[in-house]
Amino acid sequence: MDMTHHPPTTAETNVSGLPGVTLLVTTGCQYCEDARSELSARSSRAELDLDIVSVGSAYGKALQAAHRPAMFPLVLIDGKRFSVGRLPRRKLDRALSKRAVR
């Protein structure tokens, strides 16, 4: 599994205008795989810019220290904590639609 890291996407640095979503994942995590699949599909439909970060990377360790998730994955939208654990799809739909209205 390739865990490429891209620079963090935030409201200030995201030039596409799409919501910047950071997904912090670990190995052997079913919720991480589920979130990766869902968010990757949404990214391919140009609903969001996705940055997948391994908890073992330097940036991943920094995110883990800053947000201290009780479990994985950790999902950030525009740099702000959105969820940990199972990805709440309806909550995500609401968050993305609110972000689009801005």
Protein backbone atom coordinates (compact mmCIF):
# COMPACT_ATOMS: atom_id res chain seq x y z
CA MET A 1 0.00 0.00 0.00
CA ASP A 2 1.58 3.27 -1.11
CA MET A 3 1.19 6.09 1.39
CA THR A 4 2.26 9.17 -0.49
CA HIS A 5 2.32 12.44 1.36
CA HIS A 6 1.41 15.72 -0.19
CA PRO A 7 1.72 19.13 1.45
CA PRO A 8 -1.13 19.82 3.88
CA THR A 9 -4.27 21.21 2.31
CA THR A 10 -6.00 23.97 4.21
CA ALA A 11 -8.41 26.72 3.32
CA GLU A 12 -5.40 29.02 2.87
CA THR A 13 -3.23 26.74 0.72
CA ASN A 14 -5.87 24.89 -1.30
CA VAL A 15 -5.84 26.62 -4.68
CA SER A 16 -8.54 24.38 -6.19
CA GLY A 17 -11.22 25.90 -3.99
CA LEU A 18 -12.32 22.40 -2.99
CA PRO A 19 -12.43 21.37 0.67
CA GLY A 20 -9.04 20.04 1.74
CA VAL A 21 -9.43 16.67 3.45
CA THR A 22 -6.56 15.04 5.31
CA LEU A 23 -6.91 11.35 6.15
CA LEU A 24 -4.52 10.05 8.83
CA VAL A 25 -4.29 6.26 8.56
CA THR A 26 -2.49 3.32 10.10
CA THR A 27 -1.87 -0.20 8.82
CA GLY A 28 -4.32 -3.02 9.46
CA CYS A 29 -7.22 -0.62 10.02
CA GLN A 30 -10.53 -1.53 8.37
CA TYR A 31 -12.06 1.89 9.12
CA CYS A 32 -9.00 3.47 7.47
CA GLU A 33 -9.51 1.40 4.31
CA ASP A 34 -13.22 2.25 4.25
CA ALA A 35 -12.53 5.99 4.65
CA ARG A 36 -9.76 5.85 2.03
CA SER A 37 -12.13 4.21 -0.46
CA GLU A 38 -14.99 6.67 0.15
CA LEU A 39 -12.84 9.80 0.21
CA SER A 40 -10.83 8.70 -2.85
CA ALA A 41 -14.08 8.22 -4.78
CA ARG A 42 -15.25 11.69 -3.75
CA SER A 43 -11.88 13.14 -4.70
CA SER A 44 -12.10 11.55 -8.15
CA ARG A 45 -15.50 13.25 -8.55
CA ALA A 46 -13.86 16.61 -7.67
CA GLU A 47 -15.81 16.97 -4.41
CA LEU A 48 -12.65 17.43 -2.33
CA ASP A 49 -8.85 17.46 -2.39
CA LEU A 50 -7.57 14.41 -0.49
CA ASP A 51 -4.25 14.05 1.31
CA ILE A 52 -3.64 10.54 2.72
CA VAL A 53 -1.04 10.55 5.48
CA SER A 54 0.49 7.53 7.23
CA VAL A 55 0.71 7.84 11.00
CA GLY A 56 4.30 6.57 10.71
CA SER A 57 5.45 9.57 8.64
CA ALA A 58 6.88 12.71 10.24
CA TYR A 59 3.78 14.68 9.24
CA GLY A 60 1.55 11.86 10.49
CA LYS A 61 3.28 11.89 13.87
CA ALA A 62 2.82 15.66 14.06
CA LEU A 63 -0.90 15.33 13.26
CA GLN A 64 -1.27 12.58 15.83
CA ALA A 65 0.45 14.71 18.49
CA ALA A 66 -1.68 17.74 17.66
CA HIS A 67 -5.07 16.01 17.49
CA ARG A 68 -4.50 12.95 19.74
CA PRO A 69 -7.10 10.69 18.10
CA ALA A 70 -8.39 7.84 20.29
CA MET A 71 -8.58 5.64 17.18
CA PHE A 72 -8.04 5.77 13.43
CA PRO A 73 -8.62 7.12 10.93
CA LEU A 74 -8.47 10.79 11.79
CA VAL A 75 -10.21 13.00 9.22
CA LEU A 76 -9.53 16.73 9.00
CA ILE A 77 -11.44 19.12 6.76
CA ASP A 78 -9.58 22.32 5.95
CA GLY A 79 -7.22 21.54 8.82
CA LYS A 80 -9.96 21.12 11.43
CA ARG A 81 -10.82 17.84 13.15
CA PHE A 82 -13.87 16.29 11.52
CA SER A 83 -14.00 12.69 12.76
CA VAL A 84 -12.14 9.72 14.19
CA GLY A 85 -12.99 6.07 13.63
CA ARG A 86 -15.73 5.09 11.21
CA LEU A 87 -16.34 7.80 8.58
CA PRO A 88 -19.76 9.39 9.16
CA ARG A 89 -20.99 9.74 5.57
CA ARG A 90 -24.12 11.82 6.24
CA LYS A 91 -22.16 14.19 8.45
CA LEU A 92 -19.56 14.41 5.67
CA ASP A 93 -22.29 15.20 3.12
CA ARG A 94 -23.55 18.02 5.36
CA ALA A 95 -20.05 19.39 5.99
CA LEU A 96 -19.18 19.40 2.30
CA SER A 97 -22.47 21.02 1.29
CA LYS A 98 -22.01 23.75 3.94
CA ARG A 99 -18.46 24.31 2.71
CA ALA A 100 -19.71 24.59 -0.90
CA VAL A 101 -22.24 27.28 0.06
CA ARG A 102 -19.56 29.61 1.46
